[in-house]
């Protein structure tokens, strides 16, 4: 089989296209990321924020630092799993073919001006019109199919990003709950007499 070689210009266009895709999605991520302020998170854990602000701030910084690289890795995985690069290339081919058909006289039926046809050529007029309609219908079908394909892909990407955002929120909640549990245990241990500390420690559930 003959190996198809991708031209440098095509490779550059593909990189630019992926960079643009990253830029658009990252812009949306930044909106959500900026809303994850310390104040907003503190509202979800008022006790920890009020009684142990240093613990709250430390946990918040750890989680926020982990979110962006996790998101970047997830985005790259989505692009790879859903084969977005190939889908974008296919869309380019469909658009190029549509432009080619619109500029080709054989497809559009515009090679011969209507007024230049001899009188009594209604049948020729009708054939040319039918050919034009068929070509335009085919072009519309191709573009519609491409639109639906991209729409489904965008829906899948959004679903995947929402899933990862939910997972990150769950990790954040679990981290704060663990912190709060540790603080409660420390309070209990501090309130116990020294001779009861060993017995209490043995009964702590991991």
N, C-alpha and C. Protein backbone atom coordinates (compact mmCIF):
# COMPACT_ATOMS: atom_id res chain seq x y z
N UNK A 1 0.84 -1.20 0.00
CA UNK A 1 0.00 0.00 0.00
C UNK A 1 0.87 1.25 0.00
N UNK A 2 0.39 2.27 -0.67
CA UNK A 2 1.16 3.51 -0.76
C UNK A 2 0.94 4.34 0.50
N UNK A 3 2.00 4.78 1.10
CA UNK A 3 1.91 5.56 2.33
C UNK A 3 1.60 7.01 2.00
N UNK A 4 0.53 7.53 2.66
CA UNK A 4 0.14 8.91 2.41
C UNK A 4 0.99 9.83 3.27
N UNK A 5 1.61 10.80 2.63
CA UNK A 5 2.50 11.73 3.32
C UNK A 5 1.76 13.04 3.56
N UNK A 6 1.75 13.49 4.80
CA UNK A 6 1.10 14.74 5.14
C UNK A 6 2.06 15.90 4.92
N UNK A 7 1.61 16.90 4.18
CA UNK A 7 2.47 18.04 3.87
C UNK A 7 2.73 18.88 5.12
N UNK A 8 3.86 19.61 5.13
CA UNK A 8 4.15 20.48 6.29
C UNK A 8 3.06 21.51 6.53
N UNK A 9 2.47 22.04 5.44
CA UNK A 9 1.40 23.03 5.61
C UNK A 9 0.20 22.41 6.30
N UNK A 10 -0.14 21.17 5.90
CA UNK A 10 -1.27 20.49 6.52
C UNK A 10 -1.02 20.23 8.00
N UNK A 11 0.22 19.84 8.32
CA UNK A 11 0.56 19.60 9.72
C UNK A 11 0.46 20.89 10.53
N UNK A 12 0.89 22.00 9.93
CA UNK A 12 0.80 23.29 10.62
C UNK A 12 -0.64 23.66 10.87
N UNK A 13 -1.51 23.45 9.87
CA UNK A 13 -2.92 23.75 10.03
C UNK A 13 -3.55 22.90 11.13
N UNK A 14 -3.14 21.62 11.20
CA UNK A 14 -3.68 20.74 12.23
C UNK A 14 -3.26 21.21 13.62
N UNK A 15 -2.01 21.63 13.76
CA UNK A 15 -1.55 22.13 15.05
C UNK A 15 -2.29 23.40 15.43
N UNK A 16 -2.48 24.30 14.46
CA UNK A 16 -3.20 25.53 14.74
C UNK A 16 -4.64 25.24 15.16
N UNK A 17 -5.23 24.26 14.50
CA UNK A 17 -6.61 23.90 14.82
C UNK A 17 -6.72 23.35 16.24
N UNK A 18 -5.78 22.47 16.61
CA UNK A 18 -5.79 21.92 17.97
C UNK A 18 -5.50 23.00 19.01
N UNK A 19 -4.59 23.91 18.67
CA UNK A 19 -4.30 25.02 19.59
C UNK A 19 -5.54 25.87 19.81
N UNK A 20 -6.29 26.11 18.74
CA UNK A 20 -7.51 26.89 18.86
C UNK A 20 -8.54 26.16 19.72
N UNK A 21 -8.65 24.84 19.53
CA UNK A 21 -9.57 24.04 20.33
C UNK A 21 -9.19 24.12 21.80
N UNK A 22 -7.89 23.97 22.09
CA UNK A 22 -7.42 24.09 23.47
C UNK A 22 -7.75 25.48 24.03
N UNK A 23 -7.56 26.51 23.22
CA UNK A 23 -7.78 27.88 23.68
C UNK A 23 -9.25 28.10 24.04
N UNK A 24 -10.15 27.61 23.21
CA UNK A 24 -11.58 27.79 23.47
C UNK A 24 -12.01 27.06 24.74
N UNK A 25 -11.58 25.79 24.86
CA UNK A 25 -11.98 24.99 26.02
C UNK A 25 -11.32 25.53 27.29
N UNK A 26 -10.07 25.94 27.20
CA UNK A 26 -9.39 26.49 28.38
C UNK A 26 -10.03 27.79 28.85
N UNK A 27 -10.57 28.57 27.91
CA UNK A 27 -11.25 29.80 28.29
C UNK A 27 -12.48 29.49 29.13
N UNK A 28 -13.23 28.45 28.74
CA UNK A 28 -14.39 28.04 29.52
C UNK A 28 -13.97 27.48 30.88
N UNK A 29 -12.86 26.73 30.89
CA UNK A 29 -12.38 26.18 32.16
C UNK A 29 -11.96 27.30 33.11
N UNK A 30 -11.31 28.33 32.56
CA UNK A 30 -10.85 29.44 33.40
C UNK A 30 -12.02 30.14 34.10
N UNK A 31 -13.17 30.21 33.40
CA UNK A 31 -14.34 30.84 34.03
C UNK A 31 -14.75 30.06 35.28
N UNK A 32 -14.83 28.73 35.15
CA UNK A 32 -15.20 27.91 36.30
C UNK A 32 -14.09 27.91 37.36
N UNK A 33 -12.84 27.89 36.91
CA UNK A 33 -11.70 27.86 37.83
C UNK A 33 -11.65 29.12 38.69
N UNK A 34 -11.93 30.26 38.08
CA UNK A 34 -11.89 31.52 38.82
C UNK A 34 -13.02 31.63 39.84
N UNK A 35 -14.11 30.91 39.59
CA UNK A 35 -15.22 30.92 40.55
C UNK A 35 -14.90 30.09 41.78
N UNK A 36 -13.89 29.23 41.70
CA UNK A 36 -13.50 28.39 42.83
C UNK A 36 -12.59 29.20 43.77
N UNK A 37 -13.11 30.30 44.25
CA UNK A 37 -12.34 31.16 45.14
C UNK A 37 -12.38 30.60 46.57
N UNK A 38 -11.45 31.07 47.38
CA UNK A 38 -11.42 30.62 48.77
C UNK A 38 -12.72 30.98 49.48
N UNK A 39 -13.23 32.17 49.21
CA UNK A 39 -14.46 32.61 49.87
C UNK A 39 -15.63 31.69 49.54
N UNK A 40 -15.76 31.31 48.25
CA UNK A 40 -16.86 30.43 47.86
C UNK A 40 -16.73 29.05 48.49
N UNK A 41 -15.51 28.53 48.54
CA UNK A 41 -15.30 27.22 49.15
C UNK A 41 -15.54 27.28 50.65
N UNK A 42 -15.11 28.37 51.28
CA UNK A 42 -15.28 28.51 52.73
C UNK A 42 -16.75 28.51 53.12
N UNK A 43 -17.62 29.00 52.24
CA UNK A 43 -19.05 28.99 52.53
C UNK A 43 -19.59 27.57 52.66
N UNK A 44 -18.93 26.62 52.00
CA UNK A 44 -19.37 25.22 52.07
C UNK A 44 -18.90 24.54 53.36
N UNK A 45 -17.87 25.09 53.99
CA UNK A 45 -17.31 24.50 55.21
C UNK A 45 -17.12 25.60 56.26
N UNK A 46 -18.21 26.16 56.74
CA UNK A 46 -18.11 27.32 57.64
C UNK A 46 -17.38 27.01 58.94
N UNK A 47 -17.58 25.79 59.47
CA UNK A 47 -16.94 25.47 60.76
C UNK A 47 -15.42 25.45 60.63
N UNK A 48 -14.92 24.71 59.62
CA UNK A 48 -13.47 24.63 59.43
C UNK A 48 -12.89 26.01 59.11
N UNK A 49 -13.59 26.77 58.27
CA UNK A 49 -13.09 28.10 57.89
C UNK A 49 -13.05 29.04 59.09
N UNK A 50 -14.01 28.88 59.99
CA UNK A 50 -14.07 29.78 61.15
C UNK A 50 -13.11 29.35 62.26
N UNK A 51 -13.08 28.05 62.57
CA UNK A 51 -12.28 27.58 63.70
C UNK A 51 -10.83 27.28 63.33
N UNK A 52 -10.61 26.85 62.09
CA UNK A 52 -9.25 26.47 61.67
C UNK A 52 -8.96 27.03 60.28
N UNK A 53 -8.88 28.34 60.15
CA UNK A 53 -8.67 28.95 58.83
C UNK A 53 -7.37 28.52 58.16
N UNK A 54 -6.32 28.26 58.97
CA UNK A 54 -5.04 27.87 58.37
C UNK A 54 -5.14 26.49 57.72
N UNK A 55 -5.90 25.58 58.34
CA UNK A 55 -6.11 24.25 57.76
C UNK A 55 -6.94 24.37 56.49
N UNK A 56 -7.96 25.21 56.55
CA UNK A 56 -8.83 25.41 55.40
C UNK A 56 -8.05 25.98 54.22
N UNK A 57 -7.23 26.97 54.46
CA UNK A 57 -6.46 27.60 53.38
C UNK A 57 -5.45 26.63 52.78
N UNK A 58 -4.81 25.84 53.64
CA UNK A 58 -3.83 24.87 53.13
C UNK A 58 -4.50 23.82 52.25
N UNK A 59 -5.65 23.32 52.69
CA UNK A 59 -6.37 22.32 51.89
C UNK A 59 -6.86 22.91 50.58
N UNK A 60 -7.34 24.15 50.65
CA UNK A 60 -7.83 24.83 49.45
C UNK A 60 -6.72 25.00 48.42
N UNK A 61 -5.53 25.42 48.86
CA UNK A 61 -4.42 25.62 47.94
C UNK A 61 -3.98 24.30 47.30
N UNK A 62 -3.97 23.23 48.09
CA UNK A 62 -3.57 21.93 47.55
C UNK A 62 -4.53 21.47 46.46
N UNK A 63 -5.81 21.62 46.73
CA UNK A 63 -6.81 21.17 45.75
C UNK A 63 -6.75 22.03 44.50
N UNK A 64 -6.65 23.34 44.65
CA UNK A 64 -6.66 24.21 43.48
C UNK A 64 -5.43 24.00 42.61
N UNK A 65 -4.29 23.72 43.24
CA UNK A 65 -3.08 23.46 42.46
C UNK A 65 -3.19 22.16 41.67
N UNK A 66 -3.98 21.22 42.18
CA UNK A 66 -4.10 19.92 41.51
C UNK A 66 -5.13 19.94 40.39
N UNK A 67 -6.04 20.92 40.41
CA UNK A 67 -7.15 20.91 39.45
C UNK A 67 -6.66 21.16 38.03
N UNK A 68 -5.83 22.19 37.82
CA UNK A 68 -5.45 22.57 36.45
C UNK A 68 -4.68 21.46 35.73
N UNK A 69 -3.61 20.89 36.30
CA UNK A 69 -2.93 19.80 35.57
C UNK A 69 -3.84 18.60 35.35
N UNK A 70 -4.72 18.33 36.31
CA UNK A 70 -5.67 17.22 36.13
C UNK A 70 -6.60 17.51 34.96
N UNK A 71 -7.04 18.76 34.85
CA UNK A 71 -7.91 19.14 33.74
C UNK A 71 -7.19 19.02 32.41
N UNK A 72 -5.94 19.50 32.34
CA UNK A 72 -5.16 19.43 31.10
C UNK A 72 -4.98 17.99 30.65
N UNK A 73 -4.66 17.11 31.59
CA UNK A 73 -4.50 15.70 31.25
C UNK A 73 -5.81 15.11 30.77
N UNK A 74 -6.90 15.49 31.43
CA UNK A 74 -8.21 14.99 31.02
C UNK A 74 -8.60 15.47 29.64
N UNK A 75 -8.29 16.73 29.32
CA UNK A 75 -8.61 17.28 28.01
C UNK A 75 -7.84 16.55 26.91
N UNK A 76 -6.56 16.32 27.14
CA UNK A 76 -5.76 15.59 26.15
C UNK A 76 -6.31 14.18 25.94
N UNK A 77 -6.77 13.57 27.03
CA UNK A 77 -7.32 12.21 26.93
C UNK A 77 -8.63 12.22 26.13
N UNK A 78 -9.46 13.24 26.36
CA UNK A 78 -10.73 13.35 25.62
C UNK A 78 -10.46 13.52 24.13
N UNK A 79 -9.50 14.40 23.78
CA UNK A 79 -9.17 14.63 22.38
C UNK A 79 -8.68 13.34 21.72
N UNK A 80 -7.90 12.57 22.46
CA UNK A 80 -7.38 11.31 21.92
C UNK A 80 -8.47 10.24 21.84
N UNK A 81 -9.25 10.08 22.92
CA UNK A 81 -10.27 9.02 22.97
C UNK A 81 -11.35 9.23 21.93
N UNK A 82 -11.75 10.48 21.70
CA UNK A 82 -12.81 10.77 20.74
C UNK A 82 -12.26 11.07 19.34
N UNK A 83 -10.95 10.95 19.18
CA UNK A 83 -10.32 11.10 17.87
C UNK A 83 -10.74 12.42 17.21
N UNK A 84 -10.66 13.50 17.97
CA UNK A 84 -11.14 14.79 17.47
C UNK A 84 -10.33 15.29 16.28
N UNK A 85 -9.03 14.99 16.27
CA UNK A 85 -8.20 15.48 15.17
C UNK A 85 -8.70 14.92 13.84
N UNK A 86 -8.99 13.62 13.80
CA UNK A 86 -9.49 13.01 12.57
C UNK A 86 -10.83 13.59 12.18
N UNK A 87 -11.70 13.82 13.16
CA UNK A 87 -13.02 14.38 12.87
C UNK A 87 -12.90 15.79 12.29
N UNK A 88 -11.97 16.58 12.82
CA UNK A 88 -11.76 17.92 12.28
C UNK A 88 -11.21 17.85 10.86
N UNK A 89 -10.32 16.89 10.61
CA UNK A 89 -9.79 16.72 9.25
C UNK A 89 -10.91 16.33 8.28
N UNK A 90 -11.81 15.46 8.72
CA UNK A 90 -12.92 15.05 7.87
C UNK A 90 -13.84 16.23 7.58
N UNK A 91 -14.04 17.08 8.57
CA UNK A 91 -14.86 18.27 8.35
C UNK A 91 -14.21 19.19 7.33
N UNK A 92 -12.90 19.34 7.39
CA UNK A 92 -12.18 20.15 6.40
C UNK A 92 -12.39 19.60 5.00
N UNK A 93 -12.34 18.27 4.87
CA UNK A 93 -12.53 17.65 3.56
C UNK A 93 -13.94 17.90 3.02
N UNK A 94 -14.93 17.80 3.92
CA UNK A 94 -16.32 18.04 3.50
C UNK A 94 -16.51 19.48 3.04
N UNK A 95 -15.94 20.42 3.80
CA UNK A 95 -16.06 21.83 3.44
C UNK A 95 -15.35 22.11 2.12
N UNK A 96 -14.16 21.51 1.93
CA UNK A 96 -13.41 21.71 0.69
C UNK A 96 -14.18 21.14 -0.50
N UNK A 97 -14.79 19.96 -0.33
CA UNK A 97 -15.57 19.37 -1.41
C UNK A 97 -16.79 20.22 -1.74
N UNK A 98 -17.42 20.78 -0.71
CA UNK A 98 -18.58 21.64 -0.93
C UNK A 98 -18.19 22.88 -1.72
N UNK A 99 -17.04 23.47 -1.36
CA UNK A 99 -16.57 24.64 -2.11
C UNK A 99 -16.24 24.27 -3.55
N UNK A 100 -15.64 23.10 -3.73
CA UNK A 100 -15.29 22.64 -5.07
C UNK A 100 -16.54 22.49 -5.93
N UNK A 101 -17.58 21.89 -5.36
CA UNK A 101 -18.82 21.70 -6.12
C UNK A 101 -19.47 23.03 -6.46
N UNK A 102 -19.40 23.98 -5.51
CA UNK A 102 -20.04 25.27 -5.77
C UNK A 102 -19.32 26.05 -6.86
N UNK A 103 -18.04 25.72 -7.13
CA UNK A 103 -17.26 26.44 -8.14
C UNK A 103 -17.14 25.68 -9.45
N UNK A 104 -17.65 24.45 -9.50
CA UNK A 104 -17.53 23.63 -10.70
C UNK A 104 -18.79 23.76 -11.55
N UNK A 105 -18.69 24.19 -12.80
CA UNK A 105 -19.88 24.36 -13.65
C UNK A 105 -20.67 23.08 -13.80
N UNK A 106 -19.99 21.92 -13.87
CA UNK A 106 -20.72 20.67 -14.08
C UNK A 106 -21.64 20.36 -12.91
N UNK A 107 -21.27 20.83 -11.72
CA UNK A 107 -22.08 20.55 -10.56
C UNK A 107 -23.22 21.54 -10.42
N UNK A 108 -22.92 22.82 -10.68
CA UNK A 108 -23.91 23.85 -10.44
C UNK A 108 -24.83 24.08 -11.62
N UNK A 109 -24.39 23.69 -12.82
CA UNK A 109 -25.21 23.92 -14.00
C UNK A 109 -25.14 25.35 -14.50
N UNK A 110 -24.11 26.09 -14.08
CA UNK A 110 -24.00 27.50 -14.46
C UNK A 110 -23.06 27.72 -15.64
N UNK A 111 -22.62 26.65 -16.31
CA UNK A 111 -21.66 26.81 -17.41
C UNK A 111 -22.29 27.59 -18.57
N UNK A 112 -23.58 27.37 -18.80
CA UNK A 112 -24.26 28.05 -19.89
C UNK A 112 -25.29 29.00 -19.32
N UNK A 113 -25.19 30.29 -19.57
CA UNK A 113 -26.17 31.24 -19.06
C UNK A 113 -27.57 30.89 -19.54
N UNK A 114 -28.56 31.14 -18.68
CA UNK A 114 -29.94 30.80 -19.05
C UNK A 114 -30.38 31.52 -20.33
N UNK A 115 -30.03 32.78 -20.45
CA UNK A 115 -30.50 33.56 -21.60
C UNK A 115 -29.82 33.12 -22.89
N UNK A 116 -28.67 32.43 -22.82
CA UNK A 116 -27.96 32.02 -24.03
C UNK A 116 -28.53 30.75 -24.64
N UNK A 117 -29.42 30.07 -23.90
CA UNK A 117 -30.01 28.84 -24.43
C UNK A 117 -31.02 29.18 -25.52
N UNK A 118 -31.12 28.35 -26.52
CA UNK A 118 -32.08 28.62 -27.59
C UNK A 118 -33.51 28.51 -27.09
N UNK A 119 -34.40 29.16 -27.83
CA UNK A 119 -35.81 29.12 -27.46
C UNK A 119 -36.34 27.69 -27.58
N UNK A 120 -37.31 27.39 -26.73
CA UNK A 120 -37.89 26.05 -26.77
C UNK A 120 -37.07 25.01 -26.05
N UNK A 121 -36.10 25.46 -25.25
CA UNK A 121 -35.24 24.50 -24.55
C UNK A 121 -35.68 24.35 -23.10
N UNK A 122 -36.99 24.31 -22.86
CA UNK A 122 -37.49 24.17 -21.49
C UNK A 122 -36.99 22.88 -20.84
N UNK A 123 -36.87 21.82 -21.65
CA UNK A 123 -36.40 20.54 -21.11
C UNK A 123 -34.96 20.66 -20.60
N UNK A 124 -34.12 21.39 -21.37
CA UNK A 124 -32.74 21.61 -20.94
C UNK A 124 -32.71 22.43 -19.65
N UNK A 125 -33.58 23.47 -19.63
CA UNK A 125 -33.67 24.29 -18.42
C UNK A 125 -34.02 23.43 -17.22
N UNK A 126 -34.99 22.57 -17.40
CA UNK A 126 -35.45 21.74 -16.29
C UNK A 126 -34.36 20.78 -15.82
N UNK A 127 -33.64 20.18 -16.78
CA UNK A 127 -32.57 19.25 -16.42
C UNK A 127 -31.46 19.95 -15.63
N UNK A 128 -31.11 21.17 -16.09
CA UNK A 128 -30.07 21.91 -15.40
C UNK A 128 -30.51 22.31 -13.99
N UNK A 129 -31.78 22.72 -13.89
CA UNK A 129 -32.28 23.08 -12.56
C UNK A 129 -32.29 21.87 -11.64
N UNK A 130 -32.73 20.73 -12.16
CA UNK A 130 -32.77 19.52 -11.34
C UNK A 130 -31.36 19.11 -10.90
N UNK A 131 -30.41 19.24 -11.82
CA UNK A 131 -29.03 18.89 -11.48
C UNK A 131 -28.49 19.82 -10.41
N UNK A 132 -28.84 21.11 -10.53
CA UNK A 132 -28.39 22.07 -9.53
C UNK A 132 -29.01 21.76 -8.17
N UNK A 133 -30.30 21.46 -8.16
CA UNK A 133 -30.99 21.16 -6.91
C UNK A 133 -30.39 19.93 -6.24
N UNK A 134 -30.14 18.89 -7.04
CA UNK A 134 -29.56 17.66 -6.49
C UNK A 134 -28.19 17.93 -5.87
N UNK A 135 -27.37 18.71 -6.57
CA UNK A 135 -26.03 19.02 -6.06
C UNK A 135 -26.12 19.80 -4.75
N UNK A 136 -27.02 20.77 -4.70
CA UNK A 136 -27.17 21.57 -3.49
C UNK A 136 -27.73 20.74 -2.35
N UNK A 137 -28.66 19.84 -2.67
CA UNK A 137 -29.21 18.97 -1.63
C UNK A 137 -28.13 18.06 -1.06
N UNK A 138 -27.28 17.53 -1.95
CA UNK A 138 -26.20 16.67 -1.49
C UNK A 138 -25.23 17.46 -0.61
N UNK A 139 -24.94 18.68 -1.03
CA UNK A 139 -24.05 19.53 -0.24
C UNK A 139 -24.65 19.82 1.13
N UNK A 140 -25.96 20.11 1.16
CA UNK A 140 -26.63 20.38 2.42
C UNK A 140 -26.63 19.16 3.32
N UNK A 141 -26.85 17.98 2.74
CA UNK A 141 -26.84 16.75 3.52
C UNK A 141 -25.46 16.50 4.14
N UNK A 142 -24.41 16.74 3.35
CA UNK A 142 -23.05 16.54 3.86
C UNK A 142 -22.76 17.49 5.02
N UNK A 143 -23.13 18.74 4.85
CA UNK A 143 -22.88 19.72 5.90
C UNK A 143 -23.72 19.43 7.14
N UNK A 144 -24.97 18.99 6.92
CA UNK A 144 -25.83 18.65 8.06
C UNK A 144 -25.27 17.46 8.83
N UNK A 145 -24.81 16.45 8.10
CA UNK A 145 -24.22 15.28 8.75
C UNK A 145 -22.97 15.67 9.54
N UNK A 146 -22.17 16.55 8.95
CA UNK A 146 -20.96 17.00 9.65
C UNK A 146 -21.32 17.79 10.90
N UNK A 147 -22.36 18.61 10.79
CA UNK A 147 -22.80 19.39 11.96
C UNK A 147 -23.25 18.46 13.09
N UNK A 148 -24.06 17.46 12.76
CA UNK A 148 -24.55 16.53 13.78
C UNK A 148 -23.39 15.76 14.41
N UNK A 149 -22.42 15.40 13.58
CA UNK A 149 -21.27 14.66 14.09
C UNK A 149 -20.49 15.50 15.10
N UNK A 150 -20.24 16.76 14.74
CA UNK A 150 -19.53 17.65 15.66
C UNK A 150 -20.36 17.95 16.90
N UNK A 151 -21.69 18.07 16.71
CA UNK A 151 -22.56 18.32 17.85
C UNK A 151 -22.50 17.17 18.85
N UNK A 152 -22.52 15.94 18.33
CA UNK A 152 -22.42 14.77 19.21
C UNK A 152 -21.07 14.74 19.92
N UNK A 153 -20.02 15.10 19.19
CA UNK A 153 -18.69 15.12 19.80
C UNK A 153 -18.61 16.17 20.90
N UNK A 154 -19.16 17.36 20.63
CA UNK A 154 -19.15 18.41 21.64
C UNK A 154 -19.93 17.99 22.88
N UNK A 155 -21.06 17.30 22.66
CA UNK A 155 -21.85 16.82 23.79
C UNK A 155 -21.06 15.82 24.62
N UNK A 156 -20.34 14.94 23.92
CA UNK A 156 -19.53 13.94 24.63
C UNK A 156 -18.41 14.61 25.42
N UNK A 157 -17.79 15.63 24.83
CA UNK A 157 -16.73 16.35 25.53
C UNK A 157 -17.28 17.04 26.78
N UNK A 158 -18.42 17.71 26.62
CA UNK A 158 -19.03 18.40 27.77
C UNK A 158 -19.38 17.40 28.87
N UNK A 159 -19.91 16.23 28.46
CA UNK A 159 -20.25 15.22 29.45
C UNK A 159 -19.01 14.76 30.21
N UNK A 160 -17.91 14.57 29.47
CA UNK A 160 -16.67 14.12 30.10
C UNK A 160 -16.10 15.19 31.03
N UNK A 161 -16.14 16.45 30.60
CA UNK A 161 -15.63 17.53 31.44
C UNK A 161 -16.49 17.71 32.69
N UNK A 162 -17.82 17.59 32.53
CA UNK A 162 -18.71 17.68 33.70
C UNK A 162 -18.42 16.56 34.69
N UNK A 163 -18.16 15.38 34.14
CA UNK A 163 -17.83 14.23 35.00
C UNK A 163 -16.57 14.50 35.80
N UNK A 164 -15.54 15.02 35.12
CA UNK A 164 -14.28 15.29 35.81
C UNK A 164 -14.43 16.42 36.83
N UNK A 165 -15.26 17.40 36.50
CA UNK A 165 -15.50 18.48 37.45
C UNK A 165 -16.21 17.95 38.70
N UNK A 166 -17.17 17.04 38.50
CA UNK A 166 -17.86 16.43 39.63
C UNK A 166 -16.90 15.62 40.49
N UNK A 167 -15.99 14.89 39.83
CA UNK A 167 -15.00 14.10 40.57
C UNK A 167 -14.08 15.00 41.40
N UNK A 168 -13.68 16.13 40.82
CA UNK A 168 -12.81 17.05 41.55
C UNK A 168 -13.53 17.65 42.76
N UNK A 169 -14.81 17.98 42.57
CA UNK A 169 -15.59 18.51 43.69
C UNK A 169 -15.71 17.47 44.80
N UNK A 170 -15.93 16.20 44.40
CA UNK A 170 -16.03 15.13 45.38
C UNK A 170 -14.72 14.97 46.15
N UNK A 171 -13.59 15.08 45.44
CA UNK A 171 -12.29 14.99 46.11
C UNK A 171 -12.11 16.14 47.10
N UNK A 172 -12.57 17.33 46.69
CA UNK A 172 -12.46 18.50 47.57
C UNK A 172 -13.27 18.29 48.84
N UNK A 173 -14.51 17.82 48.68
CA UNK A 173 -15.37 17.58 49.84
C UNK A 173 -14.76 16.52 50.75
N UNK A 174 -14.26 15.43 50.15
CA UNK A 174 -13.66 14.35 50.95
C UNK A 174 -12.45 14.85 51.73
N UNK A 175 -11.65 15.70 51.10
CA UNK A 175 -10.46 16.24 51.77
C UNK A 175 -10.85 17.09 52.97
N UNK A 176 -11.83 17.96 52.80
CA UNK A 176 -12.24 18.82 53.90
C UNK A 176 -12.91 18.01 55.02
N UNK A 177 -13.68 16.99 54.64
CA UNK A 177 -14.31 16.16 55.67
C UNK A 177 -13.26 15.41 56.48
N UNK A 178 -12.23 14.92 55.79
CA UNK A 178 -11.15 14.23 56.50
C UNK A 178 -10.43 15.18 57.45
N UNK A 179 -10.21 16.41 56.97
CA UNK A 179 -9.56 17.41 57.82
C UNK A 179 -10.40 17.71 59.05
N UNK A 180 -11.71 17.86 58.83
CA UNK A 180 -12.60 18.15 59.95
C UNK A 180 -12.64 16.98 60.94
N UNK A 181 -12.63 15.75 60.40
CA UNK A 181 -12.64 14.57 61.27
C UNK A 181 -11.38 14.52 62.13
N UNK A 182 -10.24 14.84 61.53
CA UNK A 182 -8.98 14.85 62.28
C UNK A 182 -9.01 15.90 63.39
N UNK A 183 -9.59 17.05 63.06
CA UNK A 183 -9.67 18.11 64.07
C UNK A 183 -10.55 17.68 65.23
N UNK A 184 -11.66 17.02 64.92
CA UNK A 184 -12.56 16.55 65.98
C UNK A 184 -11.88 15.50 66.86
N UNK A 185 -11.10 14.62 66.22
CA UNK A 185 -10.38 13.61 66.99
C UNK A 185 -9.35 14.25 67.92
N UNK A 186 -8.65 15.26 67.41
CA UNK A 186 -7.67 15.95 68.24
C UNK A 186 -8.33 16.63 69.44
N UNK A 187 -9.50 17.22 69.21
CA UNK A 187 -10.22 17.86 70.31
C UNK A 187 -10.59 16.84 71.38
N UNK A 188 -11.09 15.68 70.90
CA UNK A 188 -11.50 14.63 71.84
C UNK A 188 -10.31 14.12 72.64
N UNK A 189 -9.19 13.90 71.94
CA UNK A 189 -7.99 13.40 72.62
C UNK A 189 -7.46 14.42 73.64
N UNK A 190 -7.54 15.69 73.31
CA UNK A 190 -7.06 16.72 74.23
C UNK A 190 -7.92 16.80 75.49
N UNK A 191 -9.20 16.44 75.34
CA UNK A 191 -10.12 16.52 76.48
C UNK A 191 -10.02 15.30 77.39
N UNK A 192 -9.44 14.20 76.92
CA UNK A 192 -9.35 12.97 77.71
C UNK A 192 -8.19 13.05 78.70
N UNK A 193 -8.35 12.37 79.85
CA UNK A 193 -7.21 12.24 80.78
C UNK A 193 -6.08 11.47 80.12
N UNK A 194 -4.88 11.69 80.56
CA UNK A 194 -3.71 11.06 79.95
C UNK A 194 -3.79 9.55 79.99
N UNK A 195 -4.31 8.98 81.08
CA UNK A 195 -4.33 7.54 81.21
C UNK A 195 -5.32 6.88 80.24
N UNK A 196 -6.27 7.64 79.68
CA UNK A 196 -7.26 7.07 78.76
C UNK A 196 -6.88 7.24 77.30
N UNK A 197 -5.80 7.92 77.01
CA UNK A 197 -5.44 8.20 75.62
C UNK A 197 -5.11 6.93 74.84
N UNK A 198 -4.38 6.00 75.47
CA UNK A 198 -4.00 4.77 74.77
C UNK A 198 -5.23 3.96 74.39
N UNK A 199 -6.17 3.85 75.34
CA UNK A 199 -7.40 3.10 75.06
C UNK A 199 -8.22 3.77 73.97
N UNK A 200 -8.28 5.09 74.00
CA UNK A 200 -9.03 5.82 72.97
C UNK A 200 -8.41 5.64 71.59
N UNK A 201 -7.09 5.70 71.53
CA UNK A 201 -6.39 5.57 70.24
C UNK A 201 -6.62 4.20 69.63
N UNK A 202 -6.71 3.16 70.46
CA UNK A 202 -6.94 1.82 69.93
C UNK A 202 -8.33 1.67 69.33
N UNK A 203 -9.28 2.46 69.80
CA UNK A 203 -10.67 2.34 69.33
C UNK A 203 -10.99 3.27 68.17
N UNK A 204 -10.00 4.03 67.69
CA UNK A 204 -10.25 4.93 66.56
C UNK A 204 -10.45 4.11 65.29
N UNK A 205 -11.54 4.38 64.60
CA UNK A 205 -11.81 3.69 63.33
C UNK A 205 -11.08 4.39 62.21
N UNK A 206 -10.29 3.66 61.44
CA UNK A 206 -9.54 4.30 60.34
C UNK A 206 -10.48 4.96 59.36
